């Protein structure tokens, strides 16, 4: 019998908000990953990888291209790429999304917040790695 764990990428259940967003948007009537790839200029395999593995390799420019191709608000796409569930309350993101700012200003603020959060995550990972690599004193 074949290996059932090697399911086709379009059947994998996404475990990131970016993957779920892409899956949801490409399952709408008249849409597919192939159509999104054509309309956005992003390789089909890249989109499948994002659905399967998340958005580690996604750039703000790619998110904008996806949103434009899908006809979606770029803030929705950026929020998903930041791995924030659309329904989750986020005390920093919610005021931005609910503000009267124009869509471009909202997108810029979400982009700033996403970058800030990524820098903070990186700093925490670096600090934890350094702590784990410090020499330990022998127990008395």
N, C-alpha and C. Protein backbone atom coordinates (compact mmCIF):
# COMPACT_ATOMS: atom_id res chain seq x y z
N UNK A 1 0.82 -1.18 0.00
CA UNK A 1 0.00 0.00 0.00
C UNK A 1 0.87 1.25 0.00
N UNK A 2 0.43 2.33 -0.65
CA UNK A 2 1.21 3.57 -0.73
C UNK A 2 1.22 4.32 0.57
N UNK A 3 2.09 5.27 0.67
CA UNK A 3 2.22 6.11 1.85
C UNK A 3 1.11 7.15 1.85
N UNK A 4 0.15 7.02 2.77
CA UNK A 4 -0.97 7.96 2.81
C UNK A 4 -0.58 9.32 3.36
N UNK A 5 0.58 9.43 4.00
CA UNK A 5 1.00 10.72 4.54
C UNK A 5 1.47 11.66 3.44
N UNK A 6 1.70 11.14 2.25
CA UNK A 6 2.17 11.97 1.15
C UNK A 6 1.00 12.46 0.30
N UNK A 7 0.01 13.05 0.97
CA UNK A 7 -1.18 13.55 0.26
C UNK A 7 -0.79 14.71 -0.64
N UNK A 8 -1.57 14.91 -1.68
CA UNK A 8 -1.34 16.03 -2.60
C UNK A 8 -1.41 17.34 -1.84
N UNK A 9 -0.59 18.32 -2.20
CA UNK A 9 -0.54 19.56 -1.44
C UNK A 9 -1.88 20.28 -1.37
N UNK A 10 -2.73 20.14 -2.39
CA UNK A 10 -3.99 20.86 -2.36
C UNK A 10 -5.01 20.20 -1.44
N UNK A 11 -4.70 19.02 -0.90
CA UNK A 11 -5.61 18.34 0.03
C UNK A 11 -5.13 18.46 1.47
N UNK A 12 -3.95 18.96 1.69
CA UNK A 12 -3.42 19.08 3.04
C UNK A 12 -4.23 20.11 3.82
N UNK A 13 -4.43 19.85 5.10
CA UNK A 13 -5.13 20.80 5.95
C UNK A 13 -4.14 21.84 6.45
N UNK A 14 -4.29 23.09 6.05
CA UNK A 14 -3.35 24.12 6.48
C UNK A 14 -3.39 24.30 8.00
N UNK A 15 -2.22 24.55 8.59
CA UNK A 15 -2.19 24.77 10.03
C UNK A 15 -1.76 26.19 10.39
N UNK A 16 -1.72 27.07 9.40
CA UNK A 16 -1.43 28.48 9.65
C UNK A 16 -2.57 29.32 9.10
N UNK A 17 -2.72 30.50 9.64
CA UNK A 17 -3.79 31.38 9.15
C UNK A 17 -3.58 31.74 7.68
N UNK A 18 -2.32 31.96 7.28
CA UNK A 18 -2.03 32.27 5.88
C UNK A 18 -2.46 31.12 4.97
N UNK A 19 -2.13 29.90 5.38
CA UNK A 19 -2.55 28.73 4.60
C UNK A 19 -4.06 28.60 4.53
N UNK A 20 -4.73 28.81 5.67
CA UNK A 20 -6.20 28.73 5.68
C UNK A 20 -6.82 29.82 4.82
N UNK A 21 -6.24 31.02 4.87
CA UNK A 21 -6.73 32.13 4.04
C UNK A 21 -6.63 31.77 2.56
N UNK A 22 -5.46 31.30 2.14
CA UNK A 22 -5.27 30.93 0.74
C UNK A 22 -6.21 29.81 0.33
N UNK A 23 -6.36 28.81 1.18
CA UNK A 23 -7.26 27.69 0.90
C UNK A 23 -8.68 28.20 0.75
N UNK A 24 -9.13 29.02 1.71
CA UNK A 24 -10.50 29.54 1.68
C UNK A 24 -10.75 30.37 0.42
N UNK A 25 -9.80 31.22 0.09
CA UNK A 25 -9.98 32.12 -1.05
C UNK A 25 -9.93 31.38 -2.39
N UNK A 26 -9.11 30.35 -2.49
CA UNK A 26 -9.01 29.62 -3.76
C UNK A 26 -10.09 28.57 -3.91
N UNK A 27 -10.89 28.35 -2.90
CA UNK A 27 -12.01 27.42 -3.00
C UNK A 27 -13.33 28.12 -3.33
N UNK A 28 -13.28 29.43 -3.45
CA UNK A 28 -14.47 30.16 -3.85
C UNK A 28 -14.82 29.79 -5.29
N UNK A 29 -16.09 29.90 -5.64
CA UNK A 29 -16.49 29.59 -7.02
C UNK A 29 -15.67 30.41 -8.03
N UNK A 30 -15.16 29.72 -9.04
CA UNK A 30 -14.39 30.39 -10.09
C UNK A 30 -12.92 30.57 -9.77
N UNK A 31 -12.51 30.12 -8.59
CA UNK A 31 -11.11 30.28 -8.17
C UNK A 31 -10.43 28.94 -8.02
N UNK A 32 -9.11 28.96 -8.13
CA UNK A 32 -8.27 27.79 -7.90
C UNK A 32 -6.86 28.31 -7.65
N UNK A 33 -6.00 27.44 -7.19
CA UNK A 33 -4.60 27.82 -7.00
C UNK A 33 -3.99 28.21 -8.34
N UNK A 34 -4.35 27.47 -9.39
CA UNK A 34 -3.81 27.78 -10.73
C UNK A 34 -4.22 29.18 -11.17
N UNK A 35 -5.48 29.56 -10.94
CA UNK A 35 -5.95 30.89 -11.31
C UNK A 35 -5.24 31.96 -10.48
N UNK A 36 -5.09 31.72 -9.18
CA UNK A 36 -4.38 32.68 -8.34
C UNK A 36 -2.94 32.83 -8.82
N UNK A 37 -2.31 31.73 -9.17
CA UNK A 37 -0.92 31.78 -9.68
C UNK A 37 -0.85 32.63 -10.95
N UNK A 38 -1.75 32.38 -11.87
CA UNK A 38 -1.77 33.17 -13.13
C UNK A 38 -2.01 34.64 -12.85
N UNK A 39 -3.03 34.94 -12.04
CA UNK A 39 -3.43 36.33 -11.81
C UNK A 39 -2.44 37.11 -10.95
N UNK A 40 -1.71 36.41 -10.09
CA UNK A 40 -0.76 37.10 -9.20
C UNK A 40 0.67 37.09 -9.72
N UNK A 41 0.95 36.17 -10.66
CA UNK A 41 2.33 36.03 -11.14
C UNK A 41 3.23 35.27 -10.17
N UNK A 42 2.63 34.59 -9.22
CA UNK A 42 3.38 33.80 -8.23
C UNK A 42 3.25 32.33 -8.63
N UNK A 43 4.35 31.62 -8.56
CA UNK A 43 4.37 30.21 -8.98
C UNK A 43 3.35 29.38 -8.21
N UNK A 44 2.68 28.50 -8.92
CA UNK A 44 1.69 27.61 -8.30
C UNK A 44 2.29 26.84 -7.13
N UNK A 45 3.49 26.31 -7.33
CA UNK A 45 4.12 25.52 -6.27
C UNK A 45 4.36 26.36 -5.03
N UNK A 46 4.70 27.64 -5.22
CA UNK A 46 4.91 28.53 -4.07
C UNK A 46 3.61 28.67 -3.28
N UNK A 47 2.51 28.84 -3.98
CA UNK A 47 1.21 28.97 -3.32
C UNK A 47 0.86 27.68 -2.59
N UNK A 48 1.09 26.52 -3.23
CA UNK A 48 0.86 25.24 -2.55
C UNK A 48 1.74 25.13 -1.30
N UNK A 49 3.00 25.57 -1.40
CA UNK A 49 3.90 25.53 -0.24
C UNK A 49 3.37 26.40 0.88
N UNK A 50 2.87 27.59 0.54
CA UNK A 50 2.31 28.49 1.56
C UNK A 50 1.09 27.85 2.22
N UNK A 51 0.25 27.21 1.45
CA UNK A 51 -0.93 26.55 2.01
C UNK A 51 -0.50 25.44 2.96
N UNK A 52 0.46 24.65 2.54
CA UNK A 52 0.91 23.51 3.34
C UNK A 52 1.76 23.92 4.54
N UNK A 53 2.72 24.83 4.33
CA UNK A 53 3.73 25.12 5.35
C UNK A 53 3.58 26.47 6.03
N UNK A 54 2.72 27.32 5.54
CA UNK A 54 2.59 28.64 6.14
C UNK A 54 3.35 29.68 5.36
N UNK A 55 3.49 30.83 5.94
CA UNK A 55 4.04 31.98 5.24
C UNK A 55 5.44 32.37 5.60
N UNK A 56 6.29 31.42 5.99
CA UNK A 56 7.65 31.80 6.36
C UNK A 56 8.40 32.51 5.23
N UNK A 57 8.09 32.14 4.00
CA UNK A 57 8.82 32.74 2.88
C UNK A 57 8.03 33.85 2.19
N UNK A 58 6.90 34.22 2.75
CA UNK A 58 6.07 35.23 2.11
C UNK A 58 6.61 36.63 2.40
N UNK A 59 6.52 37.49 1.41
CA UNK A 59 6.93 38.88 1.57
C UNK A 59 5.70 39.77 1.51
N UNK A 60 5.84 40.99 1.98
CA UNK A 60 4.73 41.93 1.93
C UNK A 60 4.31 42.15 0.48
N UNK A 61 5.28 42.22 -0.42
CA UNK A 61 4.96 42.39 -1.84
C UNK A 61 4.14 41.24 -2.38
N UNK A 62 4.47 40.02 -1.98
CA UNK A 62 3.72 38.85 -2.41
C UNK A 62 2.30 38.88 -1.85
N UNK A 63 2.18 39.28 -0.61
CA UNK A 63 0.86 39.37 0.01
C UNK A 63 0.00 40.37 -0.74
N UNK A 64 0.59 41.49 -1.09
CA UNK A 64 -0.15 42.51 -1.85
C UNK A 64 -0.59 41.96 -3.21
N UNK A 65 0.31 41.24 -3.89
CA UNK A 65 -0.03 40.66 -5.20
C UNK A 65 -1.17 39.65 -5.08
N UNK A 66 -1.13 38.84 -4.02
CA UNK A 66 -2.19 37.86 -3.79
C UNK A 66 -3.52 38.58 -3.55
N UNK A 67 -3.51 39.58 -2.68
CA UNK A 67 -4.74 40.31 -2.35
C UNK A 67 -5.31 40.98 -3.60
N UNK A 68 -4.46 41.61 -4.38
CA UNK A 68 -4.92 42.27 -5.60
C UNK A 68 -5.51 41.26 -6.58
N UNK A 69 -4.83 40.13 -6.76
CA UNK A 69 -5.32 39.11 -7.68
C UNK A 69 -6.67 38.57 -7.22
N UNK A 70 -6.83 38.40 -5.91
CA UNK A 70 -8.06 37.85 -5.36
C UNK A 70 -9.18 38.89 -5.27
N UNK A 71 -8.81 40.16 -5.41
CA UNK A 71 -9.80 41.22 -5.24
C UNK A 71 -10.17 41.41 -3.79
N UNK A 72 -9.25 41.10 -2.89
CA UNK A 72 -9.49 41.20 -1.45
C UNK A 72 -8.77 42.42 -0.89
N UNK A 73 -9.22 42.85 0.25
CA UNK A 73 -8.59 43.96 0.97
C UNK A 73 -7.20 43.49 1.42
N UNK A 74 -6.18 44.27 1.12
CA UNK A 74 -4.80 43.89 1.46
C UNK A 74 -4.63 43.72 2.97
N UNK A 75 -5.42 44.44 3.76
CA UNK A 75 -5.33 44.29 5.22
C UNK A 75 -5.73 42.87 5.63
N UNK A 76 -6.76 42.31 5.00
CA UNK A 76 -7.15 40.93 5.31
C UNK A 76 -6.01 39.97 5.01
N UNK A 77 -5.38 40.15 3.86
CA UNK A 77 -4.27 39.27 3.47
C UNK A 77 -3.07 39.44 4.40
N UNK A 78 -2.74 40.68 4.73
CA UNK A 78 -1.61 40.93 5.64
C UNK A 78 -1.88 40.35 7.02
N UNK A 79 -3.11 40.47 7.47
CA UNK A 79 -3.49 39.90 8.77
C UNK A 79 -3.29 38.39 8.76
N UNK A 80 -3.72 37.74 7.69
CA UNK A 80 -3.55 36.29 7.58
C UNK A 80 -2.06 35.93 7.50
N UNK A 81 -1.30 36.69 6.72
CA UNK A 81 0.14 36.41 6.59
C UNK A 81 0.86 36.61 7.92
N UNK A 82 0.32 37.48 8.77
CA UNK A 82 0.89 37.68 10.11
C UNK A 82 0.46 36.57 11.06
N UNK A 83 -0.30 35.61 10.51
CA UNK A 83 -0.79 34.45 11.26
C UNK A 83 -1.74 34.85 12.39
N UNK A 84 -2.54 35.88 12.13
CA UNK A 84 -3.56 36.30 13.07
C UNK A 84 -4.90 35.87 12.49
N UNK A 85 -5.61 35.01 13.20
CA UNK A 85 -6.91 34.55 12.73
C UNK A 85 -7.85 35.74 12.63
N UNK A 86 -8.62 35.77 11.56
CA UNK A 86 -9.51 36.89 11.31
C UNK A 86 -10.49 37.10 12.45
N UNK A 87 -10.89 36.02 13.10
CA UNK A 87 -11.87 36.12 14.17
C UNK A 87 -11.24 36.35 15.55
N UNK A 88 -9.92 36.21 15.64
CA UNK A 88 -9.26 36.40 16.94
C UNK A 88 -9.24 37.87 17.33
N UNK A 89 -9.46 38.10 18.60
CA UNK A 89 -9.33 39.46 19.11
C UNK A 89 -7.84 39.71 19.30
N UNK A 90 -7.37 40.81 18.83
CA UNK A 90 -5.97 41.17 18.94
C UNK A 90 -5.95 42.63 19.38
N UNK A 91 -5.50 42.86 20.60
CA UNK A 91 -5.60 44.21 21.16
C UNK A 91 -4.79 45.25 20.41
N UNK A 92 -3.84 44.84 19.62
CA UNK A 92 -3.07 45.79 18.80
C UNK A 92 -3.65 45.92 17.39
N UNK A 93 -4.09 44.82 16.84
CA UNK A 93 -4.55 44.80 15.46
C UNK A 93 -5.99 45.31 15.32
N UNK A 94 -6.85 44.95 16.24
CA UNK A 94 -8.26 45.32 16.15
C UNK A 94 -8.47 46.82 15.98
N UNK A 95 -7.83 47.68 16.78
CA UNK A 95 -8.06 49.12 16.59
C UNK A 95 -7.64 49.61 15.20
N UNK A 96 -6.60 49.01 14.64
CA UNK A 96 -6.17 49.39 13.29
C UNK A 96 -7.26 49.03 12.29
N UNK A 97 -7.74 47.78 12.38
CA UNK A 97 -8.74 47.30 11.43
C UNK A 97 -10.07 48.03 11.57
N UNK A 98 -10.39 48.48 12.77
CA UNK A 98 -11.66 49.16 12.99
C UNK A 98 -11.58 50.67 12.82
N UNK A 99 -10.41 51.18 12.54
CA UNK A 99 -10.24 52.63 12.41
C UNK A 99 -10.85 53.14 11.11
N UNK A 100 -10.95 54.45 11.02
CA UNK A 100 -11.47 55.11 9.82
C UNK A 100 -10.37 55.41 8.81
N UNK A 101 -9.19 54.89 9.03
CA UNK A 101 -8.08 55.13 8.11
C UNK A 101 -8.38 54.54 6.74
N UNK A 102 -7.75 55.09 5.73
CA UNK A 102 -7.92 54.53 4.39
C UNK A 102 -7.20 53.17 4.33
N UNK A 103 -7.58 52.31 3.40
CA UNK A 103 -7.00 50.96 3.32
C UNK A 103 -5.48 50.94 3.23
N UNK A 104 -4.89 51.90 2.52
CA UNK A 104 -3.43 51.94 2.39
C UNK A 104 -2.78 52.21 3.75
N UNK A 105 -3.33 53.16 4.51
CA UNK A 105 -2.78 53.47 5.84
C UNK A 105 -2.94 52.27 6.77
N UNK A 106 -4.08 51.59 6.70
CA UNK A 106 -4.28 50.38 7.51
C UNK A 106 -3.24 49.33 7.15
N UNK A 107 -3.03 49.12 5.86
CA UNK A 107 -2.07 48.13 5.40
C UNK A 107 -0.67 48.46 5.90
N UNK A 108 -0.31 49.74 5.86
CA UNK A 108 1.01 50.14 6.34
C UNK A 108 1.16 49.89 7.84
N UNK A 109 0.11 50.16 8.62
CA UNK A 109 0.17 49.91 10.06
C UNK A 109 0.23 48.42 10.37
N UNK A 110 -0.54 47.61 9.63
CA UNK A 110 -0.49 46.17 9.84
C UNK A 110 0.89 45.64 9.45
N UNK A 111 1.44 46.16 8.37
CA UNK A 111 2.79 45.77 7.94
C UNK A 111 3.82 46.14 9.01
N UNK A 112 3.70 47.33 9.57
CA UNK A 112 4.62 47.77 10.64
C UNK A 112 4.49 46.85 11.85
N UNK A 113 3.26 46.56 12.27
CA UNK A 113 3.03 45.70 13.42
C UNK A 113 3.58 44.30 13.17
N UNK A 114 3.38 43.78 11.98
CA UNK A 114 3.89 42.46 11.62
C UNK A 114 5.42 42.43 11.70
N UNK A 115 6.07 43.45 11.16
CA UNK A 115 7.53 43.53 11.22
C UNK A 115 8.04 43.65 12.64
N UNK A 116 7.36 44.46 13.43
CA UNK A 116 7.74 44.63 14.83
C UNK A 116 7.62 43.32 15.59
N UNK A 117 6.53 42.62 15.38
CA UNK A 117 6.34 41.33 16.05
C UNK A 117 7.40 40.31 15.63
N UNK A 118 7.73 40.29 14.35
CA UNK A 118 8.76 39.36 13.87
C UNK A 118 10.11 39.70 14.48
N UNK A 119 10.45 40.97 14.58
CA UNK A 119 11.72 41.37 15.20
C UNK A 119 11.75 40.96 16.67
N UNK A 120 10.62 41.13 17.35
CA UNK A 120 10.56 40.73 18.76
C UNK A 120 10.69 39.21 18.92
N UNK A 121 10.03 38.45 18.04
CA UNK A 121 10.15 36.98 18.08
C UNK A 121 11.60 36.56 17.85
N UNK A 122 12.25 37.21 16.88
CA UNK A 122 13.65 36.89 16.59
C UNK A 122 14.53 37.20 17.80
N UNK A 123 14.31 38.34 18.43
CA UNK A 123 15.11 38.71 19.61
C UNK A 123 14.90 37.71 20.74
N UNK A 124 13.67 37.26 20.95
CA UNK A 124 13.41 36.27 22.00
C UNK A 124 14.08 34.94 21.68
N UNK A 125 14.00 34.51 20.41
CA UNK A 125 14.66 33.24 20.03
C UNK A 125 16.16 33.33 20.24
N UNK A 126 16.74 34.47 19.87
CA UNK A 126 18.18 34.67 20.04
C UNK A 126 18.56 34.62 21.51
N UNK A 127 17.78 35.29 22.34
CA UNK A 127 18.06 35.31 23.79
C UNK A 127 17.92 33.92 24.40
N UNK A 128 16.89 33.19 24.02
CA UNK A 128 16.70 31.85 24.55
C UNK A 128 17.83 30.92 24.10
N UNK A 129 18.24 31.04 22.85
CA UNK A 129 19.35 30.22 22.35
C UNK A 129 20.62 30.51 23.14
N UNK A 130 20.89 31.78 23.38
CA UNK A 130 22.07 32.16 24.16
C UNK A 130 21.99 31.59 25.58
N UNK A 131 20.81 31.66 26.18
CA UNK A 131 20.65 31.12 27.53
C UNK A 131 20.86 29.61 27.55
N UNK A 132 20.37 28.93 26.53
CA UNK A 132 20.53 27.47 26.48
C UNK A 132 21.98 27.05 26.24
N UNK A 133 22.74 27.93 25.61
CA UNK A 133 24.13 27.59 25.29
C UNK A 133 25.13 28.06 26.34
N UNK A 134 24.67 28.73 27.39
CA UNK A 134 25.59 29.16 28.45
C UNK A 134 26.10 27.94 29.20
N UNK A 135 27.36 28.01 29.63
CA UNK A 135 27.90 26.90 30.43
C UNK A 135 27.14 26.79 31.76
N UNK A 136 26.89 25.59 32.19
CA UNK A 136 26.16 25.34 33.43
C UNK A 136 27.15 25.05 34.54
N UNK A 137 26.84 25.53 35.73
CA UNK A 137 27.66 25.18 36.89
C UNK A 137 27.18 23.84 37.42
N UNK A 138 28.08 23.06 37.88
CA UNK A 138 27.74 21.75 38.42
C UNK A 138 26.95 21.94 39.70
N UNK A 139 25.97 21.09 39.92
CA UNK A 139 25.15 21.14 41.14
C UNK A 139 25.98 20.70 42.32
N UNK A 140 25.77 21.33 43.45
CA UNK A 140 26.54 21.02 44.66
C UNK A 140 26.08 19.75 45.31
